[in-house]
Amino acid sequence: SSLKAQLMSRYIYEHLFIGNLYFPELHSNSGYYRMVRSHTPPGQAV
């Protein structure tokens, strides 16, 4: 919620929007993800 955090996330998004993100710490192989902007908050369909 802080302005500092919001600006950080905007910066990260503008660098990673083209990437296929994954979670190497999961024991089972996870799928790939994209970082997107959505009108809906976490917990709802994108």
All heavy atoms as atom14 arrays in JSON, in Angstrom:
{
  "sequence": "SSLKAQLMSRYIYEHLFIGNLYFPELHSNSGYYRMVRSHTPPGQAV",
  "atom14_mask": [
    [1, 1, 1, 1, 1, 1, 0, 0, 0, 0, 0, 0, 0, 0],
    [1, 1, 1, 1, 1, 1, 0, 0, 0, 0, 0, 0, 0, 0],
    [1, 1, 1, 1, 1, 1, 1, 1, 0, 0, 0, 0, 0, 0],
    [1, 1, 1, 1, 1, 1, 1, 1, 1, 0, 0, 0, 0, 0],
    [1, 1, 1, 1, 1, 0, 0, 0, 0, 0, 0, 0, 0, 0],
    [1, 1, 1, 1, 1, 1, 1, 1, 1, 0, 0, 0, 0, 0],
    [1, 1, 1, 1, 1, 1, 1, 1, 0, 0, 0, 0, 0, 0],
    [1, 1, 1, 1, 1, 1, 1, 1, 0, 0, 0, 0, 0, 0],
    [1, 1, 1, 1, 1, 1, 0, 0, 0, 0, 0, 0, 0, 0],
    [1, 1, 1, 1, 1, 1, 1, 1, 1, 1, 1, 0, 0, 0],
    [1, 1, 1, 1, 1, 1, 1, 1, 1, 1, 1, 1, 0, 0],
    [1, 1, 1, 1, 1, 1, 1, 1, 0, 0, 0, 0, 0, 0],
    [1, 1, 1, 1, 1, 1, 1, 1, 1, 1, 1, 1, 0, 0],
    [1, 1, 1, 1, 1, 1, 1, 1, 1, 0, 0, 0, 0, 0],
    [1, 1, 1, 1, 1, 1, 1, 1, 1, 1, 0, 0, 0, 0],
    [1, 1, 1, 1, 1, 1, 1, 1, 0, 0, 0, 0, 0, 0],
    [1, 1, 1, 1, 1, 1, 1, 1, 1, 1, 1, 0, 0, 0],
    [1, 1, 1, 1, 1, 1, 1, 1, 0, 0, 0, 0, 0, 0],
    [1, 1, 1, 1, 0, 0, 0, 0, 0, 0, 0, 0, 0, 0],
    [1, 1, 1, 1, 1, 1, 1, 1, 0, 0, 0, 0, 0, 0],
    [1, 1, 1, 1, 1, 1, 1, 1, 0, 0, 0, 0, 0, 0],
    [1, 1, 1, 1, 1, 1, 1, 1, 1, 1, 1, 1, 0, 0],
    [1, 1, 1, 1, 1, 1, 1, 1, 1, 1, 1, 0, 0, 0],
    [1, 1, 1, 1, 1, 1, 1, 0, 0, 0, 0, 0, 0, 0],
    [1, 1, 1, 1, 1, 1, 1, 1, 1, 0, 0, 0, 0, 0],
    [1, 1, 1, 1, 1, 1, 1, 1, 0, 0, 0, 0, 0, 0],
    [1, 1, 1, 1, 1, 1, 1, 1, 1, 1, 0, 0, 0, 0],
    [1, 1, 1, 1, 1, 1, 0, 0, 0, 0, 0, 0, 0, 0],
    [1, 1, 1, 1, 1, 1, 1, 1, 0, 0, 0, 0, 0, 0],
    [1, 1, 1, 1, 1, 1, 0, 0, 0, 0, 0, 0, 0, 0],
    [1, 1, 1, 1, 0, 0, 0, 0, 0, 0, 0, 0, 0, 0],
    [1, 1, 1, 1, 1, 1, 1, 1, 1, 1, 1, 1, 0, 0],
    [1, 1, 1, 1, 1, 1, 1, 1, 1, 1, 1, 1, 0, 0],
    [1, 1, 1, 1, 1, 1, 1, 1, 1, 1, 1, 0, 0, 0],
    [1, 1, 1, 1, 1, 1, 1, 1, 0, 0, 0, 0, 0, 0],
    [1, 1, 1, 1, 1, 1, 1, 0, 0, 0, 0, 0, 0, 0],
    [1, 1, 1, 1, 1, 1, 1, 1, 1, 1, 1, 0, 0, 0],
    [1, 1, 1, 1, 1, 1, 0, 0, 0, 0, 0, 0, 0, 0],
    [1, 1, 1, 1, 1, 1, 1, 1, 1, 1, 0, 0, 0, 0],
    [1, 1, 1, 1, 1, 1, 1, 0, 0, 0, 0, 0, 0, 0],
    [1, 1, 1, 1, 1, 1, 1, 0, 0, 0, 0, 0, 0, 0],
    [1, 1, 1, 1, 1, 1, 1, 0, 0, 0, 0, 0, 0, 0],
    [1, 1, 1, 1, 0, 0, 0, 0, 0, 0, 0, 0, 0, 0],
    [1, 1, 1, 1, 1, 1, 1, 1, 1, 0, 0, 0, 0, 0],
    [1, 1, 1, 1, 1, 0, 0, 0, 0, 0, 0, 0, 0, 0],
    [1, 1, 1, 1, 1, 1, 1, 0, 0, 0, 0, 0, 0, 0]
  ],
  "atom14_positions": [
    [[0.8, -1.23, 0.0], [0.0, 0.0, 0.0], [0.83, 1.28, 0.0], [0.35, 2.33, -0.43], [-0.92, 0.01, 1.23], [-0.16, -0.09, 2.43], [0.0, 0.0, 0.0], [0.0, 0.0, 0.0], [0.0, 0.0, 0.0], [0.0, 0.0, 0.0], [0.0, 0.0, 0.0], [0.0, 0.0, 0.0], [0.0, 0.0, 0.0], [0.0, 0.0, 0.0]],
    [[2.07, 1.24, 0.46], [2.87, 2.46, 0.54], [3.26, 2.95, -0.85], [3.32, 2.18, -1.8], [4.13, 2.22, 1.37], [5.04, 1.4, 0.66], [0.0, 0.0, 0.0], [0.0, 0.0, 0.0], [0.0, 0.0, 0.0], [0.0, 0.0, 0.0], [0.0, 0.0, 0.0], [0.0, 0.0, 0.0], [0.0, 0.0, 0.0], [0.0, 0.0, 0.0]],
    [[3.52, 4.25, -0.96], [3.95, 4.81, -2.25], [5.28, 4.19, -2.69], [5.51, 3.97, -3.88], [4.09, 6.33, -2.15], [2.79, 7.12, -1.91], [3.08, 8.62, -1.87], [1.75, 6.81, -2.97], [0.0, 0.0, 0.0], [0.0, 0.0, 0.0], [0.0, 0.0, 0.0], [0.0, 0.0, 0.0], [0.0, 0.0, 0.0], [0.0, 0.0, 0.0]],
    [[6.13, 3.91, -1.71], [7.42, 3.3, -2.01], [7.21, 1.92, -2.66], [7.83, 1.58, -3.68], [8.22, 3.17, -0.71], [9.7, 2.95, -0.89], [10.38, 2.72, 0.45], [10.84, 3.99, 1.08], [11.72, 3.75, 2.27], [0.0, 0.0, 0.0], [0.0, 0.0, 0.0], [0.0, 0.0, 0.0], [0.0, 0.0, 0.0], [0.0, 0.0, 0.0]],
    [[6.31, 1.13, -2.07], [6.04, -0.2, -2.6], [5.36, -0.13, -3.97], [5.65, -0.93, -4.86], [5.16, -0.98, -1.62], [0.0, 0.0, 0.0], [0.0, 0.0, 0.0], [0.0, 0.0, 0.0], [0.0, 0.0, 0.0], [0.0, 0.0, 0.0], [0.0, 0.0, 0.0], [0.0, 0.0, 0.0], [0.0, 0.0, 0.0], [0.0, 0.0, 0.0]],
    [[4.45, 0.82, -4.14], [3.75, 0.95, -5.42], [4.7, 1.33, -6.55], [4.61, 0.82, -7.67], [2.63, 1.98, -5.31], [1.47, 1.54, -4.43], [0.39, 2.6, -4.35], [-0.2, 3.0, -5.36], [0.12, 3.09, -3.15], [0.0, 0.0, 0.0], [0.0, 0.0, 0.0], [0.0, 0.0, 0.0], [0.0, 0.0, 0.0], [0.0, 0.0, 0.0]],
    [[5.64, 2.22, -6.25], [6.6, 2.63, -7.28], [7.55, 1.48, -7.59], [7.91, 1.26, -8.76], [7.38, 3.86, -6.82], [8.3, 4.5, -7.86], [7.52, 4.9, -9.11], [9.01, 5.71, -7.28], [0.0, 0.0, 0.0], [0.0, 0.0, 0.0], [0.0, 0.0, 0.0], [0.0, 0.0, 0.0], [0.0, 0.0, 0.0], [0.0, 0.0, 0.0]],
    [[7.97, 0.74, -6.59], [8.81, -0.44, -6.81], [8.12, -1.44, -7.73], [8.72, -1.94, -8.69], [9.15, -1.11, -5.48], [9.89, -2.44, -5.63], [9.85, -3.48, -4.14], [8.13, -4.02, -4.16], [0.0, 0.0, 0.0], [0.0, 0.0, 0.0], [0.0, 0.0, 0.0], [0.0, 0.0, 0.0], [0.0, 0.0, 0.0], [0.0, 0.0, 0.0]],
    [[6.85, -1.73, -7.46], [6.12, -2.72, -8.25], [5.94, -2.26, -9.69], [6.01, -3.07, -10.61], [4.77, -3.01, -7.6], [4.95, -3.61, -6.33], [0.0, 0.0, 0.0], [0.0, 0.0, 0.0], [0.0, 0.0, 0.0], [0.0, 0.0, 0.0], [0.0, 0.0, 0.0], [0.0, 0.0, 0.0], [0.0, 0.0, 0.0], [0.0, 0.0, 0.0]],
    [[5.7, -0.97, -9.87], [5.58, -0.45, -11.23], [6.9, -0.63, -11.98], [6.91, -1.03, -13.15], [5.17, 1.02, -11.19], [5.12, 1.7, -12.57], [4.51, 3.09, -12.46], [4.7, 3.87, -13.68], [4.23, 5.1, -13.87], [3.5, 5.67, -12.91], [4.46, 5.75, -14.99], [0.0, 0.0, 0.0], [0.0, 0.0, 0.0], [0.0, 0.0, 0.0]],
    [[8.0, -0.37, -11.3], [9.32, -0.52, -11.91], [9.58, -1.98, -12.28], [10.04, -2.29, -13.39], [10.38, -0.02, -10.92], [11.8, -0.08, -11.42], [12.28, 0.85, -12.34], [12.67, -1.06, -10.96], [13.59, 0.8, -12.79], [13.99, -1.11, -11.41], [14.44, -0.18, -12.32], [15.74, -0.23, -12.77], [0.0, 0.0, 0.0], [0.0, 0.0, 0.0]],
    [[9.27, -2.89, -11.36], [9.49, -4.31, -11.61], [8.59, -4.79, -12.75], [9.04, -5.51, -13.65], [9.23, -5.12, -10.32], [10.32, -4.82, -9.29], [9.17, -6.62, -10.62], [10.07, -5.43, -7.93], [0.0, 0.0, 0.0], [0.0, 0.0, 0.0], [0.0, 0.0, 0.0], [0.0, 0.0, 0.0], [0.0, 0.0, 0.0], [0.0, 0.0, 0.0]],
    [[7.33, -4.38, -12.74], [6.4, -4.81, -13.79], [6.89, -4.39, -15.17], [6.84, -5.17, -16.13], [5.0, -4.23, -13.53], [4.09, -4.33, -14.73], [3.58, -5.54, -15.16], [3.78, -3.18, -15.49], [2.76, -5.64, -16.27], [2.96, -3.26, -16.6], [2.45, -4.49, -16.98], [1.66, -4.57, -18.11], [0.0, 0.0, 0.0], [0.0, 0.0, 0.0]],
    [[7.39, -3.17, -15.3], [7.8, -2.68, -16.61], [9.07, -3.37, -17.11], [9.42, -3.23, -18.28], [7.97, -1.16, -16.56], [6.63, -0.45, -16.39], [6.71, 1.06, -16.55], [7.73, 1.56, -17.07], [5.75, 1.75, -16.14], [0.0, 0.0, 0.0], [0.0, 0.0, 0.0], [0.0, 0.0, 0.0], [0.0, 0.0, 0.0], [0.0, 0.0, 0.0]],
    [[9.72, -4.13, -16.22], [10.87, -4.93, -16.65], [10.51, -6.39, -16.87], [11.15, -7.08, -17.69], [12.0, -4.84, -15.62], [12.75, -3.55, -15.65], [12.34, -2.43, -14.96], [13.87, -3.18, -16.32], [13.19, -1.43, -15.19], [14.12, -1.86, -16.01], [0.0, 0.0, 0.0], [0.0, 0.0, 0.0], [0.0, 0.0, 0.0], [0.0, 0.0, 0.0]],
    [[9.5, -6.9, -16.16], [9.22, -8.33, -16.18], [7.97, -8.71, -16.96], [7.65, -9.89, -17.05], [9.07, -8.87, -14.75], [10.28, -8.73, -13.83], [10.05, -9.53, -12.55], [11.56, -9.18, -14.5], [0.0, 0.0, 0.0], [0.0, 0.0, 0.0], [0.0, 0.0, 0.0], [0.0, 0.0, 0.0], [0.0, 0.0, 0.0], [0.0, 0.0, 0.0]],
    [[7.27, -7.74, -17.55], [6.01, -8.06, -18.23], [6.21, -9.06, -19.36], [5.28, -9.78, -19.74], [5.36, -6.78, -18.76], [6.02, -6.23, -20.0], [5.53, -6.49, -21.25], [7.17, -5.44, -19.89], [6.15, -5.98, -22.39], [7.79, -4.92, -21.01], [7.28, -5.21, -22.26], [0.0, 0.0, 0.0], [0.0, 0.0, 0.0], [0.0, 0.0, 0.0]],
    [[7.4, -9.14, -19.91], [7.67, -10.04, -21.03], [8.2, -11.39, -20.58], [8.37, -12.3, -21.38], [8.67, -9.37, -22.0], [8.61, -10.02, -23.38], [10.1, -9.42, -21.43], [9.43, -9.31, -24.42], [0.0, 0.0, 0.0], [0.0, 0.0, 0.0], [0.0, 0.0, 0.0], [0.0, 0.0, 0.0], [0.0, 0.0, 0.0], [0.0, 0.0, 0.0]],
    [[8.46, -11.56, -19.28], [9.08, -12.77, -18.77], [8.08, -13.88, -18.46], [6.9, -13.63, -18.22], [0.0, 0.0, 0.0], [0.0, 0.0, 0.0], [0.0, 0.0, 0.0], [0.0, 0.0, 0.0], [0.0, 0.0, 0.0], [0.0, 0.0, 0.0], [0.0, 0.0, 0.0], [0.0, 0.0, 0.0], [0.0, 0.0, 0.0], [0.0, 0.0, 0.0]],
    [[8.58, -15.11, -18.45], [7.82, -16.26, -17.98], [8.32, -16.58, -16.57], [9.42, -17.09, -16.38], [8.03, -17.47, -18.9], [7.33, -17.3, -20.24], [6.43, -16.47, -20.37], [7.73, -18.07, -21.22], [0.0, 0.0, 0.0], [0.0, 0.0, 0.0], [0.0, 0.0, 0.0], [0.0, 0.0, 0.0], [0.0, 0.0, 0.0], [0.0, 0.0, 0.0]],
    [[7.52, -16.25, -15.58], [7.93, -16.35, -14.18], [7.62, -17.73, -13.63], [6.6, -18.34, -13.95], [7.19, -15.28, -13.36], [7.15, -13.87, -13.98], [6.34, -12.93, -13.09], [8.55, -13.33, -14.19], [0.0, 0.0, 0.0], [0.0, 0.0, 0.0], [0.0, 0.0, 0.0], [0.0, 0.0, 0.0], [0.0, 0.0, 0.0], [0.0, 0.0, 0.0]],
    [[8.53, -18.23, -12.77], [8.31, -19.55, -12.17], [8.86, -19.56, -10.75], [9.58, -18.64, -10.32], [8.96, -20.65, -13.02], [10.47, -20.61, -13.05], [11.23, -21.46, -12.25], [11.16, -19.73, -13.88], [12.62, -21.43, -12.27], [12.54, -19.68, -13.92], [13.26, -20.53, -13.11], [14.63, -20.48, -13.13], [0.0, 0.0, 0.0], [0.0, 0.0, 0.0]],
    [[8.54, -20.61, -9.99], [8.87, -20.69, -8.58], [9.81, -21.89, -8.34], [9.34, -23.02, -8.14], [7.59, -20.84, -7.74], [6.53, -19.85, -8.09], [5.29, -20.27, -8.56], [6.75, -18.48, -7.97], [4.29, -19.37, -8.89], [5.76, -17.56, -8.3], [4.54, -18.01, -8.76], [0.0, 0.0, 0.0], [0.0, 0.0, 0.0], [0.0, 0.0, 0.0]],
    [[11.11, -21.67, -8.32], [12.05, -22.79, -8.21], [12.05, -23.46, -6.84], [12.56, -24.58, -6.71], [13.41, -22.12, -8.48], [13.21, -20.69, -8.1], [11.8, -20.37, -8.45], [0.0, 0.0, 0.0], [0.0, 0.0, 0.0], [0.0, 0.0, 0.0], [0.0, 0.0, 0.0], [0.0, 0.0, 0.0], [0.0, 0.0, 0.0], [0.0, 0.0, 0.0]],
    [[11.49, -22.82, -5.82], [11.52, -23.4, -4.47], [10.43, -24.46, -4.26], [10.48, -25.19, -3.27], [11.36, -22.29, -3.43], [12.54, -21.34, -3.39], [12.32, -20.17, -2.43], [11.16, -19.76, -2.25], [13.32, -19.69, -1.88], [0.0, 0.0, 0.0], [0.0, 0.0, 0.0], [0.0, 0.0, 0.0], [0.0, 0.0, 0.0], [0.0, 0.0, 0.0]],
    [[9.47, -24.54, -5.16], [8.43, -25.55, -5.0], [9.0, -26.93, -5.32], [9.75, -27.1, -6.28], [7.25, -25.25, -5.92], [6.46, -23.97, -5.6], [5.3, -23.82, -6.57], [5.97, -23.97, -4.17], [0.0, 0.0, 0.0], [0.0, 0.0, 0.0], [0.0, 0.0, 0.0], [0.0, 0.0, 0.0], [0.0, 0.0, 0.0], [0.0, 0.0, 0.0]],
    [[8.63, -27.9, -4.52], [9.15, -29.26, -4.74], [8.62, -29.85, -6.04], [9.35, -30.52, -6.77], [8.76, -30.15, -3.54], [9.37, -29.73, -2.25], [10.75, -29.69, -2.06], [8.83, -29.3, -1.09], [11.01, -29.27, -0.83], [9.86, -29.02, -0.22], [0.0, 0.0, 0.0], [0.0, 0.0, 0.0], [0.0, 0.0, 0.0], [0.0, 0.0, 0.0]],
    [[7.36, -29.61, -6.32], [6.81, -30.04, -7.6], [6.97, -28.9, -8.6], [6.89, -27.73, -8.24], [5.33, -30.4, -7.47], [4.6, -29.28, -6.99], [0.0, 0.0, 0.0], [0.0, 0.0, 0.0], [0.0, 0.0, 0.0], [0.0, 0.0, 0.0], [0.0, 0.0, 0.0], [0.0, 0.0, 0.0], [0.0, 0.0, 0.0], [0.0, 0.0, 0.0]],
    [[7.24, -29.23, -9.83], [7.45, -28.19, -10.84], [6.17, -27.37, -11.02], [5.1, -27.91, -11.3], [7.84, -28.83, -12.18], [9.2, -29.46, -12.13], [10.05, -29.03, -11.36], [9.42, -30.48, -12.93], [0.0, 0.0, 0.0], [0.0, 0.0, 0.0], [0.0, 0.0, 0.0], [0.0, 0.0, 0.0], [0.0, 0.0, 0.0], [0.0, 0.0, 0.0]],
    [[6.31, -26.06, -10.85], [5.16, -25.19, -11.07], [5.08, -24.81, -12.54], [6.03, -24.98, -13.3], [5.3, -23.92, -10.22], [6.3, -23.07, -10.75], [0.0, 0.0, 0.0], [0.0, 0.0, 0.0], [0.0, 0.0, 0.0], [0.0, 0.0, 0.0], [0.0, 0.0, 0.0], [0.0, 0.0, 0.0], [0.0, 0.0, 0.0], [0.0, 0.0, 0.0]],
    [[3.94, -24.29, -12.92], [3.82, -23.77, -14.27], [4.45, -22.4, -14.36], [4.99, -21.86, -13.38], [0.0, 0.0, 0.0], [0.0, 0.0, 0.0], [0.0, 0.0, 0.0], [0.0, 0.0, 0.0], [0.0, 0.0, 0.0], [0.0, 0.0, 0.0], [0.0, 0.0, 0.0], [0.0, 0.0, 0.0], [0.0, 0.0, 0.0], [0.0, 0.0, 0.0]],
    [[4.42, -21.81, -15.54], [4.94, -20.46, -15.73], [3.8, -19.46, -15.58], [2.63, -19.76, -15.81], [5.56, -20.32, -17.12], [6.88, -21.05, -17.25], [6.96, -22.28, -17.87], [8.05, -20.48, -16.74], [8.18, -22.95, -17.99], [9.27, -21.13, -16.86], [9.33, -22.36, -17.48], [10.53, -23.02, -17.59], [0.0, 0.0, 0.0], [0.0, 0.0, 0.0]],
    [[4.19, -18.24, -15.2], [3.22, -17.17, -14.97], [3.67, -15.9, -15.67], [4.87, -15.72, -15.95], [3.07, -16.89, -13.46], [2.31, -17.95, -12.71], [2.91, -19.16, -12.39], [0.98, -17.76, -12.35], [2.2, -20.16, -11.72], [0.27, -18.74, -11.67], [0.89, -19.93, -11.36], [0.19, -20.91, -10.69], [0.0, 0.0, 0.0], [0.0, 0.0, 0.0]],
    [[2.71, -15.02, -15.93], [2.98, -13.69, -16.45], [2.56, -12.67, -15.4], [1.54, -12.84, -14.74], [2.21, -13.43, -17.74], [2.54, -14.35, -18.89], [1.57, -14.14, -20.03], [1.55, -12.74, -20.46], [0.44, -12.01, -20.57], [-0.73, -12.53, -20.27], [0.5, -10.76, -20.99], [0.0, 0.0, 0.0], [0.0, 0.0, 0.0], [0.0, 0.0, 0.0]],
    [[3.33, -11.6, -15.28], [2.93, -10.5, -14.41], [2.09, -9.54, -15.23], [2.53, -9.03, -16.26], [4.16, -9.79, -13.84], [3.84, -8.77, -12.76], [5.35, -8.09, -12.02], [4.64, -6.98, -10.79], [0.0, 0.0, 0.0], [0.0, 0.0, 0.0], [0.0, 0.0, 0.0], [0.0, 0.0, 0.0], [0.0, 0.0, 0.0], [0.0, 0.0, 0.0]],
    [[0.85, -9.32, -14.8], [-0.08, -8.48, -15.55], [-0.72, -7.46, -14.62], [-0.63, -7.57, -13.39], [-1.19, -9.33, -16.22], [-0.59, -10.34, -17.18], [-2.05, -10.04, -15.17], [0.0, 0.0, 0.0], [0.0, 0.0, 0.0], [0.0, 0.0, 0.0], [0.0, 0.0, 0.0], [0.0, 0.0, 0.0], [0.0, 0.0, 0.0], [0.0, 0.0, 0.0]],
    [[-1.37, -6.48, -15.21], [-2.19, -5.54, -14.45], [-3.64, -5.93, -14.61], [-4.1, -6.24, -15.71], [-1.95, -4.1, -14.93], [-0.52, -3.63, -14.71], [-0.32, -2.18, -15.09], [-0.5, -1.93, -16.51], [-0.25, -0.77, -17.1], [0.21, 0.25, -16.38], [-0.44, -0.6, -18.39], [0.0, 0.0, 0.0], [0.0, 0.0, 0.0], [0.0, 0.0, 0.0]],
    [[-4.38, -5.91, -13.5], [-5.76, -6.37, -13.51], [-6.64, -5.4, -12.74], [-6.21, -4.76, -11.79], [-5.84, -7.76, -12.87], [-7.19, -8.16, -12.66], [0.0, 0.0, 0.0], [0.0, 0.0, 0.0], [0.0, 0.0, 0.0], [0.0, 0.0, 0.0], [0.0, 0.0, 0.0], [0.0, 0.0, 0.0], [0.0, 0.0, 0.0], [0.0, 0.0, 0.0]],
    [[-7.89, -5.31, -13.16], [-8.87, -4.5, -12.42], [-9.29, -5.19, -11.12], [-9.82, -4.55, -10.22], [-10.12, -4.26, -13.27], [-9.91, -3.27, -14.39], [-9.41, -2.0, -14.18], [-10.13, -3.38, -15.73], [-9.34, -1.36, -15.33], [-9.76, -2.16, -16.28], [0.0, 0.0, 0.0], [0.0, 0.0, 0.0], [0.0, 0.0, 0.0], [0.0, 0.0, 0.0]],
    [[-9.04, -6.5, -11.05], [-9.5, -7.28, -9.9], [-8.35, -7.58, -8.94], [-7.22, -7.81, -9.37], [-10.13, -8.59, -10.37], [-9.22, -9.23, -11.28], [-11.44, -8.33, -11.08], [0.0, 0.0, 0.0], [0.0, 0.0, 0.0], [0.0, 0.0, 0.0], [0.0, 0.0, 0.0], [0.0, 0.0, 0.0], [0.0, 0.0, 0.0], [0.0, 0.0, 0.0]],
    [[-8.64, -7.6, -7.63], [-7.59, -7.84, -6.63], [-7.27, -9.32, -6.49], [-7.99, -10.18, -7.02], [-8.24, -7.3, -5.35], [-9.7, -7.54, -5.55], [-9.95, -7.31, -7.02], [0.0, 0.0, 0.0], [0.0, 0.0, 0.0], [0.0, 0.0, 0.0], [0.0, 0.0, 0.0], [0.0, 0.0, 0.0], [0.0, 0.0, 0.0], [0.0, 0.0, 0.0]],
    [[-6.19, -9.65, -5.77], [-5.88, -11.05, -5.48], [-7.08, -11.75, -4.85], [-7.8, -11.17, -4.04], [-4.71, -10.95, -4.5], [-4.04, -9.66, -4.85], [-5.15, -8.73, -5.24], [0.0, 0.0, 0.0], [0.0, 0.0, 0.0], [0.0, 0.0, 0.0], [0.0, 0.0, 0.0], [0.0, 0.0, 0.0], [0.0, 0.0, 0.0], [0.0, 0.0, 0.0]],
    [[-7.29, -12.98, -5.27], [-8.45, -13.72, -4.77], [-9.6, -13.75, -5.73], [-10.55, -14.51, -5.53], [0.0, 0.0, 0.0], [0.0, 0.0, 0.0], [0.0, 0.0, 0.0], [0.0, 0.0, 0.0], [0.0, 0.0, 0.0], [0.0, 0.0, 0.0], [0.0, 0.0, 0.0], [0.0, 0.0, 0.0], [0.0, 0.0, 0.0], [0.0, 0.0, 0.0]],
    [[-9.54, -12.92, -6.77], [-10.58, -12.91, -7.79], [-9.95, -13.25, -9.14], [-8.74, -13.14, -9.33], [-11.26, -11.55, -7.87], [-12.0, -11.14, -6.61], [-12.7, -9.8, -6.75], [-12.98, -9.34, -7.87], [-12.98, -9.15, -5.64], [0.0, 0.0, 0.0], [0.0, 0.0, 0.0], [0.0, 0.0, 0.0], [0.0, 0.0, 0.0], [0.0, 0.0, 0.0]],
    [[-10.8, -13.67, -10.09], [-10.3, -13.98, -11.43], [-9.67, -12.73, -12.04], [-10.16, -11.62, -11.87], [-11.45, -14.46, -12.31], [0.0, 0.0, 0.0], [0.0, 0.0, 0.0], [0.0, 0.0, 0.0], [0.0, 0.0, 0.0], [0.0, 0.0, 0.0], [0.0, 0.0, 0.0], [0.0, 0.0, 0.0], [0.0, 0.0, 0.0], [0.0, 0.0, 0.0]],
    [[-8.57, -12.93, -12.74], [-7.86, -11.81, -13.37], [-8.72, -11.17, -14.45], [-9.28, -11.86, -15.31], [-6.53, -12.28, -13.98], [-5.89, -11.16, -14.81], [-5.56, -12.71, -12.88], [0.0, 0.0, 0.0], [0.0, 0.0, 0.0], [0.0, 0.0, 0.0], [0.0, 0.0, 0.0], [0.0, 0.0, 0.0], [0.0, 0.0, 0.0], [0.0, 0.0, 0.0]]
  ]
}
